[in-house]
């Protein structure tokens, strides 16, 4: 599974670094480094909605306060499917 987080200027200001760090914590904590590829990219073209995150090609808006919840509700069920 691939998770891509926007690290462009707008998303950076909105906390993309914190989102990436939380995702990395969750991946490490759950031992999923062999099943989840975490990467960054520049602008995804949806700057007004917060930190843009693509999960297997589907776009989401995440912020540092919702990153752990997002991981639990969106990432974990997809990891279980694989």
PDB file of N, CA and C in Angstrom:
ATOM      1  N   UNK A   1       0.848  -1.162   0.000  1.00  0.00           N
ATOM      2  CA  UNK A   1       0.000   0.000   0.000  1.00  0.00           C
ATOM      3  C   UNK A   1       0.897   1.229   0.000  1.00  0.00           C
ATOM      4  N   UNK A   2       0.473   2.246  -0.733  1.00  0.00           N
ATOM      5  CA  UNK A   2       1.247   3.477  -0.811  1.00  0.00           C
ATOM      6  C   UNK A   2       0.450   4.643  -0.228  1.00  0.00           C
ATOM      7  N   UNK A   3       1.089   5.380   0.689  1.00  0.00           N
ATOM      8  CA  UNK A   3       0.526   6.607   1.259  1.00  0.00           C
ATOM      9  C   UNK A   3       1.431   7.746   0.833  1.00  0.00           C
ATOM     10  N   UNK A   4       0.844   8.740   0.146  1.00  0.00           N
ATOM     11  CA  UNK A   4       1.601   9.901  -0.296  1.00  0.00           C
ATOM     12  C   UNK A   4       1.043  11.137   0.386  1.00  0.00           C
ATOM     13  N   UNK A   5       1.915  11.914   1.007  1.00  0.00           N
ATOM     14  CA  UNK A   5       1.521  13.123   1.729  1.00  0.00           C
ATOM     15  C   UNK A   5       2.098  14.331   1.005  1.00  0.00           C
ATOM     16  N   UNK A   6       1.265  15.327   0.763  1.00  0.00           N
ATOM     17  CA  UNK A   6       1.733  16.557   0.141  1.00  0.00           C
ATOM     18  C   UNK A   6       2.649  17.301   1.115  1.00  0.00           C
ATOM     19  N   UNK A   7       3.807  17.716   0.609  1.00  0.00           N
ATOM     20  CA  UNK A   7       4.735  18.502   1.419  1.00  0.00           C
ATOM     21  C   UNK A   7       4.973  19.873   0.776  1.00  0.00           C
ATOM     22  N   UNK A   8       4.067  20.256  -0.124  1.00  0.00           N
ATOM     23  CA  UNK A   8       4.150  21.577  -0.737  1.00  0.00           C
ATOM     24  C   UNK A   8       3.925  22.668   0.297  1.00  0.00           C
ATOM     25  N   UNK A   9       4.168  23.921  -0.086  1.00  0.00           N
ATOM     26  CA  UNK A   9       4.149  25.018   0.888  1.00  0.00           C
ATOM     27  C   UNK A   9       2.828  25.160   1.633  1.00  0.00           C
ATOM     28  N   UNK A  10       1.697  25.067   0.956  1.00  0.00           N
ATOM     29  CA  UNK A  10       0.409  25.236   1.639  1.00  0.00           C
ATOM     30  C   UNK A  10       0.178  24.108   2.653  1.00  0.00           C
ATOM     31  N   UNK A  11       0.424  22.889   2.248  1.00  0.00           N
ATOM     32  CA  UNK A  11       0.232  21.757   3.157  1.00  0.00           C
ATOM     33  C   UNK A  11       1.284  21.754   4.265  1.00  0.00           C
ATOM     34  N   UNK A  12       2.486  22.214   3.943  1.00  0.00           N
ATOM     35  CA  UNK A  12       3.526  22.315   4.970  1.00  0.00           C
ATOM     36  C   UNK A  12       3.077  23.249   6.093  1.00  0.00           C
ATOM     37  N   UNK A  13       2.514  24.383   5.707  1.00  0.00           N
ATOM     38  CA  UNK A  13       2.018  25.352   6.692  1.00  0.00           C
ATOM     39  C   UNK A  13       0.889  24.751   7.521  1.00  0.00           C
ATOM     40  N   UNK A  14       0.107  23.873   6.919  1.00  0.00           N
ATOM     41  CA  UNK A  14      -1.033  23.262   7.612  1.00  0.00           C
ATOM     42  C   UNK A  14      -0.642  22.021   8.416  1.00  0.00           C
ATOM     43  N   UNK A  15       0.662  21.679   8.435  1.00  0.00           N
ATOM     44  CA  UNK A  15       1.111  20.600   9.311  1.00  0.00           C
ATOM     45  C   UNK A  15       1.480  19.290   8.655  1.00  0.00           C
ATOM     46  N   UNK A  16       1.847  19.312   7.383  1.00  0.00           N
ATOM     47  CA  UNK A  16       2.165  18.043   6.715  1.00  0.00           C
ATOM     48  C   UNK A  16       3.306  17.290   7.386  1.00  0.00           C
ATOM     49  N   UNK A  17       4.269  18.006   7.932  1.00  0.00           N
ATOM     50  CA  UNK A  17       5.374  17.322   8.616  1.00  0.00           C
ATOM     51  C   UNK A  17       4.859  16.514   9.803  1.00  0.00           C
ATOM     52  N   UNK A  18       3.947  17.096  10.570  1.00  0.00           N
ATOM     53  CA  UNK A  18       3.371  16.385  11.716  1.00  0.00           C
ATOM     54  C   UNK A  18       2.549  15.182  11.272  1.00  0.00           C
ATOM     55  N   UNK A  19       1.850  15.318  10.152  1.00  0.00           N
ATOM     56  CA  UNK A  19       1.065  14.198   9.614  1.00  0.00           C
ATOM     57  C   UNK A  19       2.007  13.062   9.218  1.00  0.00           C
ATOM     58  N   UNK A  20       3.074  13.394   8.497  1.00  0.00           N
ATOM     59  CA  UNK A  20       4.046  12.375   8.090  1.00  0.00           C
ATOM     60  C   UNK A  20       4.647  11.692   9.317  1.00  0.00           C
ATOM     61  N   UNK A  21       5.009  12.469  10.320  1.00  0.00           N
ATOM     62  CA  UNK A  21       5.598  11.896  11.530  1.00  0.00           C
ATOM     63  C   UNK A  21       4.628  10.965  12.249  1.00  0.00           C
ATOM     64  N   UNK A  22       3.346  11.339  12.299  1.00  0.00           N
ATOM     65  CA  UNK A  22       2.353  10.471  12.938  1.00  0.00           C
ATOM     66  C   UNK A  22       2.166   9.186  12.144  1.00  0.00           C
ATOM     67  N   UNK A  23       2.084   9.297  10.827  1.00  0.00           N
ATOM     68  CA  UNK A  23       1.962   8.088  10.001  1.00  0.00           C
ATOM     69  C   UNK A  23       3.172   7.175  10.215  1.00  0.00           C
ATOM     70  N   UNK A  24       4.369   7.761  10.255  1.00  0.00           N
ATOM     71  CA  UNK A  24       5.573   6.957  10.450  1.00  0.00           C
ATOM     72  C   UNK A  24       5.548   6.279  11.817  1.00  0.00           C
ATOM     73  N   UNK A  25       5.080   6.995  12.841  1.00  0.00           N
ATOM     74  CA  UNK A  25       4.947   6.397  14.181  1.00  0.00           C
ATOM     75  C   UNK A  25       4.013   5.192  14.143  1.00  0.00           C
ATOM     76  N   UNK A  26       2.886   5.354  13.465  1.00  0.00           N
ATOM     77  CA  UNK A  26       1.906   4.266  13.386  1.00  0.00           C
ATOM     78  C   UNK A  26       2.461   3.068  12.628  1.00  0.00           C
ATOM     79  N   UNK A  27       3.155   3.329  11.528  1.00  0.00           N
ATOM     80  CA  UNK A  27       3.763   2.249  10.746  1.00  0.00           C
ATOM     81  C   UNK A  27       4.781   1.494  11.597  1.00  0.00           C
ATOM     82  N   UNK A  28       5.644   2.236  12.284  1.00  0.00           N
ATOM     83  CA  UNK A  28       6.673   1.608  13.121  1.00  0.00           C
ATOM     84  C   UNK A  28       6.060   0.844  14.291  1.00  0.00           C
ATOM     85  N   UNK A  29       5.094   1.466  14.964  1.00  0.00           N
ATOM     86  CA  UNK A  29       4.446   0.868  16.131  1.00  0.00           C
ATOM     87  C   UNK A  29       3.765  -0.463  15.785  1.00  0.00           C
ATOM     88  N   UNK A  30       3.209  -0.531  14.589  1.00  0.00           N
ATOM     89  CA  UNK A  30       2.452  -1.726  14.186  1.00  0.00           C
ATOM     90  C   UNK A  30       3.283  -2.706  13.354  1.00  0.00           C
ATOM     91  N   UNK A  31       4.544  -2.357  13.113  1.00  0.00           N
ATOM     92  CA  UNK A  31       5.411  -3.244  12.327  1.00  0.00           C
ATOM     93  C   UNK A  31       4.969  -3.403  10.891  1.00  0.00           C
ATOM     94  N   UNK A  32       4.554  -2.312  10.261  1.00  0.00           N
ATOM     95  CA  UNK A  32       4.003  -2.380   8.912  1.00  0.00           C
ATOM     96  C   UNK A  32       4.938  -1.838   7.829  1.00  0.00           C
ATOM     97  N   UNK A  33       6.207  -1.652   8.161  1.00  0.00           N
ATOM     98  CA  UNK A  33       7.119  -1.037   7.196  1.00  0.00           C
ATOM     99  C   UNK A  33       7.289  -1.869   5.928  1.00  0.00           C
ATOM    100  N   UNK A  34       7.029  -3.161   5.996  1.00  0.00           N
ATOM    101  CA  UNK A  34       7.125  -4.005   4.809  1.00  0.00           C
ATOM    102  C   UNK A  34       5.832  -3.996   3.985  1.00  0.00           C
ATOM    103  N   UNK A  35       4.759  -3.389   4.524  1.00  0.00           N
ATOM    104  CA  UNK A  35       3.465  -3.392   3.829  1.00  0.00           C
ATOM    105  C   UNK A  35       2.989  -2.008   3.418  1.00  0.00           C
ATOM    106  N   UNK A  36       3.599  -0.959   4.000  1.00  0.00           N
ATOM    107  CA  UNK A  36       3.177   0.410   3.701  1.00  0.00           C
ATOM    108  C   UNK A  36       4.374   1.218   3.233  1.00  0.00           C
ATOM    109  N   UNK A  37       4.216   1.844   2.079  1.00  0.00           N
ATOM    110  CA  UNK A  37       5.227   2.760   1.556  1.00  0.00           C
ATOM    111  C   UNK A  37       4.742   4.175   1.817  1.00  0.00           C
ATOM    112  N   UNK A  38       5.500   4.932   2.585  1.00  0.00           N
ATOM    113  CA  UNK A  38       5.156   6.307   2.942  1.00  0.00           C
ATOM    114  C   UNK A  38       6.063   7.234   2.149  1.00  0.00           C
ATOM    115  N   UNK A  39       5.452   8.159   1.381  1.00  0.00           N
ATOM    116  CA  UNK A  39       6.259   9.069   0.571  1.00  0.00           C
ATOM    117  C   UNK A  39       5.655  10.464   0.579  1.00  0.00           C
ATOM    118  N   UNK A  40       6.448  11.416   0.119  1.00  0.00           N
ATOM    119  CA  UNK A  40       6.002  12.800   0.017  1.00  0.00           C
ATOM    120  C   UNK A  40       6.011  13.251  -1.429  1.00  0.00           C
ATOM    121  N   UNK A  41       5.214  14.267  -1.708  1.00  0.00           N
ATOM    122  CA  UNK A  41       5.166  14.846  -3.041  1.00  0.00           C
ATOM    123  C   UNK A  41       4.822  16.318  -2.904  1.00  0.00           C
ATOM    124  N   UNK A  42       5.047  17.053  -3.958  1.00  0.00           N
ATOM    125  CA  UNK A  42       4.645  18.450  -3.935  1.00  0.00           C
ATOM    126  C   UNK A  42       3.199  18.561  -4.383  1.00  0.00           C
ATOM    127  N   UNK A  43       2.693  19.732  -4.531  1.00  0.00           N
ATOM    128  CA  UNK A  43       1.270  20.059  -4.671  1.00  0.00           C
ATOM    129  C   UNK A  43       0.435  19.023  -5.429  1.00  0.00           C
ATOM    130  N   UNK A  44      -0.671  18.657  -4.802  1.00  0.00           N
ATOM    131  CA  UNK A  44      -1.645  17.749  -5.404  1.00  0.00           C
ATOM    132  C   UNK A  44      -2.843  18.523  -5.947  1.00  0.00           C
ATOM    133  N   UNK A  45      -2.805  19.854  -5.827  1.00  0.00           N
ATOM    134  CA  UNK A  45      -3.842  20.687  -6.408  1.00  0.00           C
ATOM    135  C   UNK A  45      -5.103  20.843  -5.578  1.00  0.00           C
ATOM    136  N   UNK A  46      -5.048  20.547  -4.309  1.00  0.00           N
ATOM    137  CA  UNK A  46      -6.230  20.657  -3.453  1.00  0.00           C
ATOM    138  C   UNK A  46      -5.859  21.405  -2.175  1.00  0.00           C
ATOM    139  N   UNK A  47      -5.185  22.547  -2.342  1.00  0.00           N
ATOM    140  CA  UNK A  47      -4.558  23.271  -1.230  1.00  0.00           C
ATOM    141  C   UNK A  47      -5.545  23.783  -0.182  1.00  0.00           C
ATOM    142  N   UNK A  48      -6.743  24.095  -0.571  1.00  0.00           N
ATOM    143  CA  UNK A  48      -7.686  24.711   0.361  1.00  0.00           C
ATOM    144  C   UNK A  48      -8.211  23.751   1.418  1.00  0.00           C
ATOM    145  N   UNK A  49      -8.058  22.451   1.209  1.00  0.00           N
ATOM    146  CA  UNK A  49      -8.667  21.467   2.103  1.00  0.00           C
ATOM    147  C   UNK A  49      -7.746  20.886   3.150  1.00  0.00           C
ATOM    148  N   UNK A  50      -6.605  21.470   3.378  1.00  0.00           N
ATOM    149  CA  UNK A  50      -5.718  20.932   4.412  1.00  0.00           C
ATOM    150  C   UNK A  50      -4.614  20.108   3.818  1.00  0.00           C
ATOM    151  N   UNK A  51      -4.015  19.270   4.613  1.00  0.00           N
ATOM    152  CA  UNK A  51      -2.919  18.429   4.141  1.00  0.00           C
ATOM    153  C   UNK A  51      -3.507  17.331   3.252  1.00  0.00           C
ATOM    154  N   UNK A  52      -3.088  17.329   2.007  1.00  0.00           N
ATOM    155  CA  UNK A  52      -3.580  16.332   1.054  1.00  0.00           C
ATOM    156  C   UNK A  52      -2.827  15.028   1.242  1.00  0.00           C
ATOM    157  N   UNK A  53      -3.576  13.949   1.299  1.00  0.00           N
ATOM    158  CA  UNK A  53      -3.005  12.619   1.443  1.00  0.00           C
ATOM    159  C   UNK A  53      -3.648  11.728   0.398  1.00  0.00           C
ATOM    160  N   UNK A  54      -2.820  10.978  -0.320  1.00  0.00           N
ATOM    161  CA  UNK A  54      -3.335   9.993  -1.266  1.00  0.00           C
ATOM    162  C   UNK A  54      -3.077   8.618  -0.691  1.00  0.00           C
ATOM    163  N   UNK A  55      -4.121   7.839  -0.685  1.00  0.00           N
ATOM    164  CA  UNK A  55      -4.047   6.467  -0.201  1.00  0.00           C
ATOM    165  C   UNK A  55      -4.448   5.580  -1.361  1.00  0.00           C
ATOM    166  N   UNK A  56      -3.466   4.896  -1.931  1.00  0.00           N
ATOM    167  CA  UNK A  56      -3.701   4.078  -3.125  1.00  0.00           C
ATOM    168  C   UNK A  56      -4.462   4.854  -4.199  1.00  0.00           C
ATOM    169  N   UNK A  57      -4.093   6.113  -4.407  1.00  0.00           N
ATOM    170  CA  UNK A  57      -4.670   6.933  -5.468  1.00  0.00           C
ATOM    171  C   UNK A  57      -5.892   7.742  -5.072  1.00  0.00           C
ATOM    172  N   UNK A  58      -6.501   7.473  -3.943  1.00  0.00           N
ATOM    173  CA  UNK A  58      -7.679   8.210  -3.480  1.00  0.00           C
ATOM    174  C   UNK A  58      -7.237   9.366  -2.582  1.00  0.00           C
ATOM    175  N   UNK A  59      -7.769  10.584  -2.843  1.00  0.00           N
ATOM    176  CA  UNK A  59      -7.366  11.768  -2.077  1.00  0.00           C
ATOM    177  C   UNK A  59      -8.197  11.957  -0.818  1.00  0.00           C
ATOM    178  N   UNK A  60      -7.510  12.390   0.235  1.00  0.00           N
ATOM    179  CA  UNK A  60      -8.137  12.704   1.508  1.00  0.00           C
ATOM    180  C   UNK A  60      -7.541  13.996   2.032  1.00  0.00           C
ATOM    181  N   UNK A  61      -8.245  14.634   2.949  1.00  0.00           N
ATOM    182  CA  UNK A  61      -7.740  15.808   3.650  1.00  0.00           C
ATOM    183  C   UNK A  61      -7.523  15.420   5.109  1.00  0.00           C
ATOM    184  N   UNK A  62      -6.292  15.597   5.583  1.00  0.00           N
ATOM    185  CA  UNK A  62      -5.919  15.191   6.939  1.00  0.00           C
ATOM    186  C   UNK A  62      -5.230  16.372   7.599  1.00  0.00           C
ATOM    187  N   UNK A  63      -5.304  16.443   8.907  1.00  0.00           N
ATOM    188  CA  UNK A  63      -4.518  17.446   9.629  1.00  0.00           C
ATOM    189  C   UNK A  63      -3.845  16.735  10.800  1.00  0.00           C
ATOM    190  N   UNK A  64      -2.902  17.396  11.455  1.00  0.00           N
ATOM    191  CA  UNK A  64      -2.191  16.717  12.538  1.00  0.00           C
ATOM    192  C   UNK A  64      -3.111  16.142  13.615  1.00  0.00           C
ATOM    193  N   UNK A  65      -4.209  16.817  13.903  1.00  0.00           N
ATOM    194  CA  UNK A  65      -5.130  16.351  14.944  1.00  0.00           C
ATOM    195  C   UNK A  65      -5.909  15.105  14.526  1.00  0.00           C
ATOM    196  N   UNK A  66      -6.073  14.882  13.225  1.00  0.00           N
ATOM    197  CA  UNK A  66      -6.860  13.741  12.755  1.00  0.00           C
ATOM    198  C   UNK A  66      -6.003  12.625  12.152  1.00  0.00           C
ATOM    199  N   UNK A  67      -4.689  12.790  12.143  1.00  0.00           N
ATOM    200  CA  UNK A  67      -3.809  11.827  11.464  1.00  0.00           C
ATOM    201  C   UNK A  67      -3.910  10.418  12.053  1.00  0.00           C
ATOM    202  N   UNK A  68      -3.904  10.293  13.375  1.00  0.00           N
ATOM    203  CA  UNK A  68      -3.988   8.960  13.981  1.00  0.00           C
ATOM    204  C   UNK A  68      -5.344   8.320  13.694  1.00  0.00           C
ATOM    205  N   UNK A  69      -6.409   9.087  13.821  1.00  0.00           N
ATOM    206  CA  UNK A  69      -7.758   8.576  13.523  1.00  0.00           C
ATOM    207  C   UNK A  69      -7.856   8.137  12.057  1.00  0.00           C
ATOM    208  N   UNK A  70      -7.297   8.951  11.155  1.00  0.00           N
ATOM    209  CA  UNK A  70      -7.292   8.605   9.734  1.00  0.00           C
ATOM    210  C   UNK A  70      -6.560   7.275   9.516  1.00  0.00           C
ATOM    211  N   UNK A  71      -5.417   7.123  10.153  1.00  0.00           N
ATOM    212  CA  UNK A  71      -4.649   5.890  10.008  1.00  0.00           C
ATOM    213  C   UNK A  71      -5.479   4.693  10.459  1.00  0.00           C
ATOM    214  N   UNK A  72      -6.146   4.838  11.594  1.00  0.00           N
ATOM    215  CA  UNK A  72      -6.966   3.740  12.119  1.00  0.00           C
ATOM    216  C   UNK A  72      -8.174   3.434  11.244  1.00  0.00           C
ATOM    217  N   UNK A  73      -8.845   4.472  10.752  1.00  0.00           N
ATOM    218  CA  UNK A  73     -10.102   4.255  10.030  1.00  0.00           C
ATOM    219  C   UNK A  73      -9.938   3.998   8.538  1.00  0.00           C
ATOM    220  N   UNK A  74      -8.890   4.529   7.920  1.00  0.00           N
ATOM    221  CA  UNK A  74      -8.720   4.374   6.471  1.00  0.00           C
ATOM    222  C   UNK A  74      -7.580   3.439   6.087  1.00  0.00           C
ATOM    223  N   UNK A  75      -6.464   3.545   6.780  1.00  0.00           N
ATOM    224  CA  UNK A  75      -5.291   2.749   6.405  1.00  0.00           C
ATOM    225  C   UNK A  75      -5.407   1.316   6.919  1.00  0.00           C
ATOM    226  N   UNK A  76      -5.693   1.155   8.190  1.00  0.00           N
ATOM    227  CA  UNK A  76      -5.692  -0.183   8.778  1.00  0.00           C
ATOM    228  C   UNK A  76      -6.676  -1.157   8.112  1.00  0.00           C
ATOM    229  N   UNK A  77      -7.903  -0.737   7.797  1.00  0.00           N
ATOM    230  CA  UNK A  77      -8.799  -1.683   7.113  1.00  0.00           C
ATOM    231  C   UNK A  77      -8.249  -2.119   5.747  1.00  0.00           C
ATOM    232  N   UNK A  78      -7.553  -1.222   5.055  1.00  0.00           N
ATOM    233  CA  UNK A  78      -6.990  -1.565   3.744  1.00  0.00           C
ATOM    234  C   UNK A  78      -5.786  -2.485   3.885  1.00  0.00           C
ATOM    235  N   UNK A  79      -5.016  -2.296   4.930  1.00  0.00           N
ATOM    236  CA  UNK A  79      -3.876  -3.178   5.180  1.00  0.00           C
ATOM    237  C   UNK A  79      -4.396  -4.590   5.474  1.00  0.00           C
ATOM    238  N   UNK A  80      -5.494  -4.672   6.209  1.00  0.00           N
ATOM    239  CA  UNK A  80      -6.074  -5.976   6.561  1.00  0.00           C
ATOM    240  C   UNK A  80      -6.562  -6.721   5.329  1.00  0.00           C
ATOM    241  N   UNK A  81      -6.971  -5.978   4.290  1.00  0.00           N
ATOM    242  CA  UNK A  81      -7.471  -6.598   3.058  1.00  0.00           C
ATOM    243  C   UNK A  81      -6.364  -7.248   2.241  1.00  0.00           C
ATOM    244  N   UNK A  82      -5.166  -6.712   2.377  1.00  0.00           N
ATOM    245  CA  UNK A  82      -4.053  -7.163   1.522  1.00  0.00           C
ATOM    246  C   UNK A  82      -3.496  -8.481   1.984  1.00  0.00           C
TER     247      UNK A  82
END
